[in-house]
Amino acid sequence: MSHMANQTLAERLSQSRTNVGLSQQALAKVSGVSQQTISSLESGKIQSSKGLLALAEACKVDITWLVSGKGEGLTLDAHVEHRRPQGLIANAQEVIRGVVQADILVKVAHDQLQAALAVLEKTNHPLIPQIGEALFIVRMASATLSADAGRSS
């Protein structure tokens, strides 16, 4: 966001709002500042509002940066959150998708290791202990993923 330091308040507010994935109407609901005021700020019709602090907080930007373009831009919360334009719900959905994809991969690995173990057991192959250990690790990973999925739902 530091590249936006030379921009106007209107440009910084508009970009900050879109970075957190909010429409003007949604920002109005989150911040308590009227959509008309937000529109006037973003169009440059007005240069100040008593709602700027609430807008900065809702957009997860530093108020000094929003008003003057000086400073870091992102608040500490925004840095910690690693936010994306879609917001917190999209981040949660991404985490859940990752857990589901990992769970599928673990199940595939489990099935493949079990099949390999069955073949190796028929020939009394020396790799049976290593395959058995890998199978145990995959089972533990599956249990961990199942527990994680239960907590995220």
Protein backbone atom coordinates (compact mmCIF):
# COMPACT_ATOMS: atom_id res chain seq x y z
CA MET A 1 0.00 0.00 0.00
CA SER A 2 2.94 2.35 0.30
CA HIS A 3 2.70 3.09 -3.44
CA MET A 4 -0.63 4.77 -2.67
CA ALA A 5 1.02 7.38 -0.43
CA ASN A 6 1.05 9.94 -3.25
CA GLN A 7 -2.62 9.43 -3.95
CA THR A 8 -5.46 11.54 -2.63
CA LEU A 9 -7.67 10.66 0.31
CA ALA A 10 -10.36 9.76 -2.21
CA GLU A 11 -8.08 7.33 -4.02
CA ARG A 12 -6.68 5.80 -0.81
CA LEU A 13 -10.17 5.26 0.62
CA SER A 14 -11.52 3.75 -2.59
CA GLN A 15 -8.55 1.40 -2.96
CA SER A 16 -8.62 0.43 0.73
CA ARG A 17 -12.32 -0.37 0.48
CA THR A 18 -11.84 -2.57 -2.58
CA ASN A 19 -8.82 -4.27 -0.96
CA VAL A 20 -11.05 -5.57 1.82
CA GLY A 21 -13.71 -6.58 -0.69
CA LEU A 22 -16.43 -4.15 0.37
CA SER A 23 -18.86 -2.17 -1.72
CA GLN A 24 -19.65 1.36 -0.58
CA GLN A 25 -22.95 0.06 0.80
CA ALA A 26 -21.23 -2.77 2.72
CA LEU A 27 -18.61 -0.36 4.08
CA ALA A 28 -21.41 1.91 5.24
CA LYS A 29 -22.97 -0.97 7.18
CA VAL A 30 -19.67 -2.06 8.72
CA SER A 31 -18.45 1.42 9.62
CA GLY A 32 -21.67 3.23 10.47
CA VAL A 33 -20.77 6.00 8.01
CA SER A 34 -23.44 6.76 5.42
CA GLN A 35 -22.97 5.49 1.89
CA GLN A 36 -23.52 9.08 0.68
CA THR A 37 -20.58 10.28 2.81
CA ILE A 38 -18.39 7.44 1.53
CA SER A 39 -19.33 8.29 -2.03
CA SER A 40 -18.58 11.97 -1.45
CA LEU A 41 -15.18 11.13 0.07
CA GLU A 42 -14.26 8.74 -2.73
CA SER A 43 -15.28 11.20 -5.43
CA GLY A 44 -13.30 13.99 -3.76
CA LYS A 45 -16.38 16.16 -3.20
CA ILE A 46 -15.49 16.32 0.49
CA GLN A 47 -12.02 16.03 2.03
CA SER A 48 -12.93 15.13 5.61
CA SER A 49 -15.56 13.48 7.74
CA LYS A 50 -15.99 12.65 11.39
CA GLY A 51 -16.39 9.04 10.21
CA LEU A 52 -12.85 8.70 8.83
CA LEU A 53 -11.63 6.75 11.86
CA ALA A 54 -14.47 4.25 11.52
CA LEU A 55 -13.77 3.94 7.78
CA ALA A 56 -10.06 3.37 8.41
CA GLU A 57 -10.84 0.67 10.98
CA ALA A 58 -13.33 -1.04 8.66
CA CYS A 59 -10.80 -0.98 5.80
CA LYS A 60 -8.00 -2.17 8.12
CA VAL A 61 -5.78 0.80 7.39
CA ASP A 62 -4.04 3.31 9.63
CA ILE A 63 -6.04 6.53 10.02
CA THR A 64 -2.95 8.73 9.60
CA TRP A 65 -2.11 6.99 6.36
CA LEU A 66 -5.70 7.24 5.10
CA VAL A 67 -5.88 10.96 5.76
CA SER A 68 -2.35 12.03 4.82
CA GLY A 69 -0.75 9.17 2.90
CA LYS A 70 2.05 9.08 5.48
CA GLY A 71 3.01 5.93 7.32
CA GLU A 72 2.65 2.22 6.75
CA GLY A 73 -0.94 1.97 5.58
CA LEU A 74 -2.01 -1.39 6.98
CA THR A 75 -2.96 -1.73 10.61
CA LEU A 76 -1.37 -4.41 12.77
CA ASP A 77 -4.59 -6.45 12.50
CA ALA A 78 -4.38 -6.37 8.72
CA HIS A 79 -0.75 -7.55 8.79
CA VAL A 80 -1.61 -10.39 11.15
CA GLU A 81 -4.70 -11.38 9.21
CA HIS A 82 -2.94 -11.61 5.83
CA ARG A 83 -6.26 -10.46 4.51
CA ARG A 84 -7.42 -10.90 0.96
CA PRO A 85 -9.90 -8.77 -0.92
CA GLN A 86 -12.68 -11.30 -0.31
CA GLY A 87 -12.41 -10.86 3.46
CA LEU A 88 -12.51 -13.24 6.37
CA ILE A 89 -15.21 -15.56 5.01
CA ALA A 90 -13.18 -16.26 1.90
CA ASN A 91 -10.10 -16.91 4.05
CA ALA A 92 -12.05 -19.42 6.13
CA GLN A 93 -13.37 -21.08 2.99
CA GLU A 94 -9.82 -21.32 1.64
CA VAL A 95 -8.62 -23.00 4.84
CA ILE A 96 -11.50 -25.48 4.74
CA ARG A 97 -10.81 -26.26 1.07
CA GLY A 98 -7.17 -26.87 1.96
CA VAL A 99 -8.12 -29.26 4.74
CA VAL A 100 -10.51 -31.14 2.47
CA GLN A 101 -7.91 -31.38 -0.31
CA ALA A 102 -5.28 -32.56 2.16
CA ASP A 103 -7.71 -35.14 3.53
CA ILE A 104 -8.35 -36.48 0.02
CA LEU A 105 -4.62 -36.70 -0.69
CA VAL A 106 -4.01 -38.50 2.60
CA LYS A 107 -6.76 -41.01 1.80
CA VAL A 108 -5.24 -41.67 -1.63
CA ALA A 109 -1.80 -42.13 -0.07
CA HIS A 110 -3.31 -44.47 2.52
CA ASP A 111 -4.97 -46.62 -0.14
CA GLN A 112 -1.78 -46.77 -2.22
CA LEU A 113 0.38 -47.69 0.76
CA GLN A 114 -2.09 -50.34 1.85
CA ALA A 115 -2.07 -51.85 -1.65
CA ALA A 116 1.74 -51.78 -1.75
CA LEU A 117 1.91 -53.42 1.67
CA ALA A 118 -0.42 -56.20 0.57
CA VAL A 119 1.78 -56.93 -2.46
CA LEU A 120 5.00 -56.81 -0.42
CA GLU A 121 3.61 -59.08 2.30
CA LYS A 122 3.03 -61.81 -0.30
CA THR A 123 6.76 -61.81 -1.13
CA ASN A 124 8.01 -61.15 2.43
CA HIS A 125 9.84 -58.09 1.05
CA PRO A 126 12.37 -56.31 3.35
CA LEU A 127 10.56 -52.95 2.90
CA ILE A 128 7.47 -54.16 4.77
CA PRO A 129 8.45 -52.38 8.04
CA GLN A 130 9.07 -49.06 6.26
CA ILE A 131 5.77 -49.28 4.38
CA GLY A 132 4.01 -50.18 7.62
CA GLU A 133 5.58 -47.13 9.29
CA ALA A 134 4.54 -44.88 6.39
CA LEU A 135 1.01 -46.27 6.66
CA PHE A 136 0.97 -45.45 10.38
CA ILE A 137 2.10 -41.87 9.67
CA VAL A 138 -0.61 -41.46 7.02
CA ARG A 139 -3.24 -42.75 9.47
CA MET A 140 -2.08 -40.21 12.07
CA ALA A 141 -2.24 -37.42 9.48
CA SER A 142 -5.75 -38.52 8.55
CA ALA A 143 -6.83 -38.43 12.19
CA THR A 144 -5.34 -34.95 12.60
CA LEU A 145 -7.08 -33.69 9.47
CA SER A 146 -10.38 -35.17 10.62
CA ALA A 147 -10.01 -33.42 13.97
CA ASP A 148 -9.12 -30.12 12.21
CA ALA A 149 -12.11 -30.46 9.89
CA GLY A 150 -14.36 -31.04 12.90
CA ARG A 151 -13.09 -27.85 14.57
CA SER A 152 -13.54 -25.73 11.44
CA SER A 153 -17.12 -26.77 10.78
